[in-house]
Amino acid sequence: MKDGTWKCDDTIYKYRLELNGRMPNAEKDSCFVVLTDDKSLSFETVSKSLYSSLLKDADAMKGSVIVELK
């Protein structure tokens, strides 16, 4: 948006992060594009929220949304 924020589904986020890394057992690197208000999110935190069965790992993404996987 004009003020430097990002919008998805009527929610406004402060940051758009491109997080690069390699998921466990993957052959190549991935990139998550995340809209968030938490600038400290890491690739490991986001990827764990997808494959972990622990609720605390899923909660790390609360208030954030993955908008693209490269």
PDB file of N, CA and C in Angstrom:
ATOM      1  N   MET A   1       0.844  -1.162   0.000  1.00  0.00           N
ATOM      2  CA  MET A   1       0.000   0.000   0.000  1.00  0.00           C
ATOM      3  C   MET A   1       0.901   1.241   0.000  1.00  0.00           C
ATOM      4  N   LYS A   2       0.339   2.389  -0.209  1.00  0.00           N
ATOM      5  CA  LYS A   2       1.126   3.612  -0.319  1.00  0.00           C
ATOM      6  C   LYS A   2       1.933   3.943   0.931  1.00  0.00           C
ATOM      7  N   ASP A   3       1.436   3.523   2.100  1.00  0.00           N
ATOM      8  CA  ASP A   3       2.142   3.834   3.347  1.00  0.00           C
ATOM      9  C   ASP A   3       3.217   2.809   3.702  1.00  0.00           C
ATOM     10  N   GLY A   4       3.471   1.843   2.811  1.00  0.00           N
ATOM     11  CA  GLY A   4       4.520   0.852   3.046  1.00  0.00           C
ATOM     12  C   GLY A   4       4.045  -0.406   3.745  1.00  0.00           C
ATOM     13  N   THR A   5       2.757  -0.496   4.039  1.00  0.00           N
ATOM     14  CA  THR A   5       2.224  -1.702   4.659  1.00  0.00           C
ATOM     15  C   THR A   5       1.700  -2.630   3.571  1.00  0.00           C
ATOM     16  N   TRP A   6       1.300  -3.828   3.988  1.00  0.00           N
ATOM     17  CA  TRP A   6       0.811  -4.858   3.063  1.00  0.00           C
ATOM     18  C   TRP A   6      -0.560  -5.314   3.514  1.00  0.00           C
ATOM     19  N   LYS A   7      -1.434  -5.649   2.580  1.00  0.00           N
ATOM     20  CA  LYS A   7      -2.801  -6.038   2.921  1.00  0.00           C
ATOM     21  C   LYS A   7      -3.145  -7.386   2.293  1.00  0.00           C
ATOM     22  N   CYS A   8      -3.804  -8.232   3.084  1.00  0.00           N
ATOM     23  CA  CYS A   8      -4.289  -9.525   2.597  1.00  0.00           C
ATOM     24  C   CYS A   8      -5.581  -9.839   3.342  1.00  0.00           C
ATOM     25  N   ASP A   9      -6.653 -10.095   2.597  1.00  0.00           N
ATOM     26  CA  ASP A   9      -7.950 -10.434   3.199  1.00  0.00           C
ATOM     27  C   ASP A   9      -8.378  -9.423   4.260  1.00  0.00           C
ATOM     28  N   ASP A  10      -8.312  -8.153   3.939  1.00  0.00           N
ATOM     29  CA  ASP A  10      -8.733  -7.056   4.820  1.00  0.00           C
ATOM     30  C   ASP A  10      -7.904  -6.907   6.095  1.00  0.00           C
ATOM     31  N   THR A  11      -6.767  -7.574   6.188  1.00  0.00           N
ATOM     32  CA  THR A  11      -5.860  -7.412   7.318  1.00  0.00           C
ATOM     33  C   THR A  11      -4.618  -6.693   6.814  1.00  0.00           C
ATOM     34  N   ILE A  12      -4.155  -5.707   7.573  1.00  0.00           N
ATOM     35  CA  ILE A  12      -2.973  -4.935   7.194  1.00  0.00           C
ATOM     36  C   ILE A  12      -1.792  -5.403   8.029  1.00  0.00           C
ATOM     37  N   TYR A  13      -0.667  -5.620   7.361  1.00  0.00           N
ATOM     38  CA  TYR A  13       0.565  -6.094   7.998  1.00  0.00           C
ATOM     39  C   TYR A  13       1.674  -5.069   7.796  1.00  0.00           C
ATOM     40  N   LYS A  14       2.577  -4.981   8.746  1.00  0.00           N
ATOM     41  CA  LYS A  14       3.685  -4.028   8.667  1.00  0.00           C
ATOM     42  C   LYS A  14       4.786  -4.490   7.720  1.00  0.00           C
ATOM     43  N   TYR A  15       5.016  -5.800   7.651  1.00  0.00           N
ATOM     44  CA  TYR A  15       6.186  -6.307   6.934  1.00  0.00           C
ATOM     45  C   TYR A  15       5.830  -7.374   5.906  1.00  0.00           C
ATOM     46  N   ARG A  16       6.635  -7.417   4.859  1.00  0.00           N
ATOM     47  CA  ARG A  16       6.609  -8.504   3.879  1.00  0.00           C
ATOM     48  C   ARG A  16       8.011  -9.107   3.909  1.00  0.00           C
ATOM     49  N   LEU A  17       8.110 -10.321   4.404  1.00  0.00           N
ATOM     50  CA  LEU A  17       9.399 -10.989   4.548  1.00  0.00           C
ATOM     51  C   LEU A  17       9.569 -12.067   3.493  1.00  0.00           C
ATOM     52  N   GLU A  18      10.753 -12.147   2.908  1.00  0.00           N
ATOM     53  CA  GLU A  18      11.119 -13.268   2.044  1.00  0.00           C
ATOM     54  C   GLU A  18      12.146 -14.077   2.820  1.00  0.00           C
ATOM     55  N   LEU A  19      11.736 -15.250   3.273  1.00  0.00           N
ATOM     56  CA  LEU A  19      12.564 -16.095   4.131  1.00  0.00           C
ATOM     57  C   LEU A  19      13.065 -17.290   3.334  1.00  0.00           C
ATOM     58  N   ASN A  20      14.370 -17.420   3.229  1.00  0.00           N
ATOM     59  CA  ASN A  20      14.986 -18.482   2.435  1.00  0.00           C
ATOM     60  C   ASN A  20      15.654 -19.510   3.331  1.00  0.00           C
ATOM     61  N   GLY A  21      15.598 -20.761   2.917  1.00  0.00           N
ATOM     62  CA  GLY A  21      16.245 -21.835   3.653  1.00  0.00           C
ATOM     63  C   GLY A  21      15.884 -23.175   3.060  1.00  0.00           C
ATOM     64  N   ARG A  22      16.311 -24.223   3.753  1.00  0.00           N
ATOM     65  CA  ARG A  22      16.043 -25.586   3.283  1.00  0.00           C
ATOM     66  C   ARG A  22      15.288 -26.354   4.363  1.00  0.00           C
ATOM     67  N   MET A  23      14.156 -26.901   3.978  1.00  0.00           N
ATOM     68  CA  MET A  23      13.363 -27.701   4.899  1.00  0.00           C
ATOM     69  C   MET A  23      14.035 -29.067   5.090  1.00  0.00           C
ATOM     70  N   PRO A  24      13.771 -29.737   6.210  1.00  0.00           N
ATOM     71  CA  PRO A  24      14.385 -31.045   6.456  1.00  0.00           C
ATOM     72  C   PRO A  24      14.103 -32.025   5.315  1.00  0.00           C
ATOM     73  N   ASN A  25      15.132 -32.725   4.900  1.00  0.00           N
ATOM     74  CA  ASN A  25      15.073 -33.743   3.848  1.00  0.00           C
ATOM     75  C   ASN A  25      14.735 -33.206   2.456  1.00  0.00           C
ATOM     76  N   ALA A  26      14.796 -31.904   2.274  1.00  0.00           N
ATOM     77  CA  ALA A  26      14.520 -31.320   0.958  1.00  0.00           C
ATOM     78  C   ALA A  26      15.788 -31.340   0.109  1.00  0.00           C
ATOM     79  N   GLU A  27      15.613 -31.432  -1.191  1.00  0.00           N
ATOM     80  CA  GLU A  27      16.752 -31.441  -2.113  1.00  0.00           C
ATOM     81  C   GLU A  27      17.234 -30.040  -2.450  1.00  0.00           C
ATOM     82  N   LYS A  28      16.338 -29.045  -2.332  1.00  0.00           N
ATOM     83  CA  LYS A  28      16.740 -27.688  -2.678  1.00  0.00           C
ATOM     84  C   LYS A  28      16.104 -26.686  -1.722  1.00  0.00           C
ATOM     85  N   ASP A  29      16.605 -25.470  -1.770  1.00  0.00           N
ATOM     86  CA  ASP A  29      16.117 -24.408  -0.900  1.00  0.00           C
ATOM     87  C   ASP A  29      14.720 -23.965  -1.298  1.00  0.00           C
ATOM     88  N   SER A  30      14.023 -23.372  -0.348  1.00  0.00           N
ATOM     89  CA  SER A  30      12.691 -22.809  -0.556  1.00  0.00           C
ATOM     90  C   SER A  30      12.686 -21.364  -0.088  1.00  0.00           C
ATOM     91  N   CYS A  31      11.661 -20.642  -0.491  1.00  0.00           N
ATOM     92  CA  CYS A  31      11.475 -19.265  -0.043  1.00  0.00           C
ATOM     93  C   CYS A  31      10.009 -19.073   0.317  1.00  0.00           C
ATOM     94  N   PHE A  32       9.758 -18.620   1.545  1.00  0.00           N
ATOM     95  CA  PHE A  32       8.412 -18.278   1.987  1.00  0.00           C
ATOM     96  C   PHE A  32       8.268 -16.765   1.928  1.00  0.00           C
ATOM     97  N   VAL A  33       7.205 -16.283   1.319  1.00  0.00           N
ATOM     98  CA  VAL A  33       6.873 -14.865   1.381  1.00  0.00           C
ATOM     99  C   VAL A  33       5.768 -14.740   2.416  1.00  0.00           C
ATOM    100  N   VAL A  34       6.048 -13.991   3.483  1.00  0.00           N
ATOM    101  CA  VAL A  34       5.162 -13.916   4.638  1.00  0.00           C
ATOM    102  C   VAL A  34       4.780 -12.465   4.909  1.00  0.00           C
ATOM    103  N   LEU A  35       3.499 -12.224   5.130  1.00  0.00           N
ATOM    104  CA  LEU A  35       3.038 -10.925   5.602  1.00  0.00           C
ATOM    105  C   LEU A  35       2.855 -11.049   7.106  1.00  0.00           C
ATOM    106  N   THR A  36       3.417 -10.093   7.851  1.00  0.00           N
ATOM    107  CA  THR A  36       3.453 -10.219   9.300  1.00  0.00           C
ATOM    108  C   THR A  36       3.667  -8.873   9.975  1.00  0.00           C
ATOM    109  N   ASP A  37       3.428  -8.834  11.264  1.00  0.00           N
ATOM    110  CA  ASP A  37       3.807  -7.695  12.100  1.00  0.00           C
ATOM    111  C   ASP A  37       5.021  -8.056  12.948  1.00  0.00           C
ATOM    112  N   ASP A  38       5.499  -9.281  12.825  1.00  0.00           N
ATOM    113  CA  ASP A  38       6.636  -9.797  13.599  1.00  0.00           C
ATOM    114  C   ASP A  38       7.864  -9.896  12.701  1.00  0.00           C
ATOM    115  N   LYS A  39       8.719  -8.887  12.771  1.00  0.00           N
ATOM    116  CA  LYS A  39       9.900  -8.826  11.913  1.00  0.00           C
ATOM    117  C   LYS A  39      10.930  -9.908  12.259  1.00  0.00           C
ATOM    118  N   SER A  40      10.790 -10.533  13.420  1.00  0.00           N
ATOM    119  CA  SER A  40      11.779 -11.512  13.864  1.00  0.00           C
ATOM    120  C   SER A  40      11.516 -12.935  13.371  1.00  0.00           C
ATOM    121  N   LEU A  41      10.458 -13.158  12.598  1.00  0.00           N
ATOM    122  CA  LEU A  41      10.181 -14.511  12.085  1.00  0.00           C
ATOM    123  C   LEU A  41      11.364 -15.015  11.259  1.00  0.00           C
ATOM    124  N   SER A  42      11.678 -16.290  11.387  1.00  0.00           N
ATOM    125  CA  SER A  42      12.762 -16.895  10.619  1.00  0.00           C
ATOM    126  C   SER A  42      12.205 -17.993   9.717  1.00  0.00           C
ATOM    127  N   PHE A  43      13.005 -18.412   8.765  1.00  0.00           N
ATOM    128  CA  PHE A  43      12.615 -19.507   7.888  1.00  0.00           C
ATOM    129  C   PHE A  43      12.303 -20.750   8.715  1.00  0.00           C
ATOM    130  N   GLU A  44      13.118 -21.029   9.703  1.00  0.00           N
ATOM    131  CA  GLU A  44      12.934 -22.218  10.534  1.00  0.00           C
ATOM    132  C   GLU A  44      11.604 -22.177  11.288  1.00  0.00           C
ATOM    133  N   THR A  45      11.261 -21.004  11.813  1.00  0.00           N
ATOM    134  CA  THR A  45      10.004 -20.856  12.547  1.00  0.00           C
ATOM    135  C   THR A  45       8.808 -21.097  11.640  1.00  0.00           C
ATOM    136  N   VAL A  46       8.836 -20.510  10.446  1.00  0.00           N
ATOM    137  CA  VAL A  46       7.719 -20.653   9.506  1.00  0.00           C
ATOM    138  C   VAL A  46       7.612 -22.096   9.018  1.00  0.00           C
ATOM    139  N   SER A  47       8.733 -22.704   8.652  1.00  0.00           N
ATOM    140  CA  SER A  47       8.676 -24.075   8.143  1.00  0.00           C
ATOM    141  C   SER A  47       8.222 -25.046   9.233  1.00  0.00           C
ATOM    142  N   LYS A  48       8.673 -24.837  10.471  1.00  0.00           N
ATOM    143  CA  LYS A  48       8.240 -25.697  11.576  1.00  0.00           C
ATOM    144  C   LYS A  48       6.742 -25.592  11.805  1.00  0.00           C
ATOM    145  N   SER A  49       6.187 -24.409  11.577  1.00  0.00           N
ATOM    146  CA  SER A  49       4.743 -24.236  11.779  1.00  0.00           C
ATOM    147  C   SER A  49       3.944 -25.068  10.779  1.00  0.00           C
ATOM    148  N   LEU A  50       4.558 -25.442   9.662  1.00  0.00           N
ATOM    149  CA  LEU A  50       3.885 -26.233   8.637  1.00  0.00           C
ATOM    150  C   LEU A  50       3.957 -27.736   8.888  1.00  0.00           C
ATOM    151  N   TYR A  51       5.096 -28.219   9.395  1.00  0.00           N
ATOM    152  CA  TYR A  51       5.259 -29.667   9.506  1.00  0.00           C
ATOM    153  C   TYR A  51       5.250 -30.213  10.935  1.00  0.00           C
ATOM    154  N   SER A  52       5.338 -29.353  11.922  1.00  0.00           N
ATOM    155  CA  SER A  52       5.379 -29.824  13.303  1.00  0.00           C
ATOM    156  C   SER A  52       3.979 -30.171  13.808  1.00  0.00           C
ATOM    157  N   SER A  53       3.915 -31.144  14.691  1.00  0.00           N
ATOM    158  CA  SER A  53       2.635 -31.503  15.301  1.00  0.00           C
ATOM    159  C   SER A  53       2.428 -30.789  16.643  1.00  0.00           C
ATOM    160  N   LEU A  54       3.376 -29.949  17.031  1.00  0.00           N
ATOM    161  CA  LEU A  54       3.264 -29.227  18.297  1.00  0.00           C
ATOM    162  C   LEU A  54       2.490 -27.927  18.111  1.00  0.00           C
ATOM    163  N   LEU A  55       1.543 -27.678  18.983  1.00  0.00           N
ATOM    164  CA  LEU A  55       0.714 -26.484  18.909  1.00  0.00           C
ATOM    165  C   LEU A  55       1.553 -25.209  19.047  1.00  0.00           C
ATOM    166  N   LYS A  56       2.589 -25.240  19.882  1.00  0.00           N
ATOM    167  CA  LYS A  56       3.416 -24.045  20.078  1.00  0.00           C
ATOM    168  C   LYS A  56       4.114 -23.632  18.775  1.00  0.00           C
ATOM    169  N   ASP A  57       4.437 -24.592  17.924  1.00  0.00           N
ATOM    170  CA  ASP A  57       5.065 -24.265  16.644  1.00  0.00           C
ATOM    171  C   ASP A  57       4.073 -23.595  15.703  1.00  0.00           C
ATOM    172  N   ALA A  58       2.833 -24.045  15.706  1.00  0.00           N
ATOM    173  CA  ALA A  58       1.793 -23.427  14.876  1.00  0.00           C
ATOM    174  C   ALA A  58       1.460 -22.029  15.383  1.00  0.00           C
ATOM    175  N   ASP A  59       1.488 -21.843  16.695  1.00  0.00           N
ATOM    176  CA  ASP A  59       1.185 -20.540  17.290  1.00  0.00           C
ATOM    177  C   ASP A  59       2.214 -19.475  16.939  1.00  0.00           C
ATOM    178  N   ALA A  60       3.403 -19.875  16.555  1.00  0.00           N
ATOM    179  CA  ALA A  60       4.453 -18.918  16.194  1.00  0.00           C
ATOM    180  C   ALA A  60       4.054 -18.081  14.983  1.00  0.00           C
ATOM    181  N   MET A  61       3.142 -18.607  14.167  1.00  0.00           N
ATOM    182  CA  MET A  61       2.684 -17.891  12.967  1.00  0.00           C
ATOM    183  C   MET A  61       1.393 -17.109  13.213  1.00  0.00           C
ATOM    184  N   LYS A  62       0.913 -17.094  14.440  1.00  0.00           N
ATOM    185  CA  LYS A  62      -0.326 -16.390  14.750  1.00  0.00           C
ATOM    186  C   LYS A  62      -0.209 -14.925  14.354  1.00  0.00           C
ATOM    187  N   GLY A  63      -1.169 -14.439  13.587  1.00  0.00           N
ATOM    188  CA  GLY A  63      -1.133 -13.050  13.149  1.00  0.00           C
ATOM    189  C   GLY A  63      -0.300 -12.830  11.898  1.00  0.00           C
ATOM    190  N   SER A  64       0.166 -13.906  11.287  1.00  0.00           N
ATOM    191  CA  SER A  64       0.963 -13.831  10.064  1.00  0.00           C
ATOM    192  C   SER A  64       0.350 -14.731   9.000  1.00  0.00           C
ATOM    193  N   VAL A  65       0.697 -14.496   7.751  1.00  0.00           N
ATOM    194  CA  VAL A  65       0.145 -15.325   6.674  1.00  0.00           C
ATOM    195  C   VAL A  65       1.211 -15.548   5.607  1.00  0.00           C
ATOM    196  N   ILE A  66       1.323 -16.803   5.150  1.00  0.00           N
ATOM    197  CA  ILE A  66       2.209 -17.129   4.031  1.00  0.00           C
ATOM    198  C   ILE A  66       1.425 -16.837   2.763  1.00  0.00           C
ATOM    199  N   VAL A  67       1.975 -15.967   1.913  1.00  0.00           N
ATOM    200  CA  VAL A  67       1.262 -15.598   0.691  1.00  0.00           C
ATOM    201  C   VAL A  67       1.886 -16.187  -0.568  1.00  0.00           C
ATOM    202  N   GLU A  68       3.096 -16.726  -0.431  1.00  0.00           N
ATOM    203  CA  GLU A  68       3.751 -17.314  -1.596  1.00  0.00           C
ATOM    204  C   GLU A  68       4.839 -18.278  -1.138  1.00  0.00           C
ATOM    205  N   LEU A  69       5.016 -19.336  -1.899  1.00  0.00           N
ATOM    206  CA  LEU A  69       6.106 -20.295  -1.697  1.00  0.00           C
ATOM    207  C   LEU A  69       6.853 -20.383  -3.002  1.00  0.00           C
ATOM    208  N   LYS A  70       8.122 -20.042  -2.969  1.00  0.00           N
ATOM    209  CA  LYS A  70       8.947 -20.077  -4.195  1.00  0.00           C
ATOM    210  C   LYS A  70       9.856 -21.276  -4.163  1.00  0.00           C
TER     211      LYS A  70
END
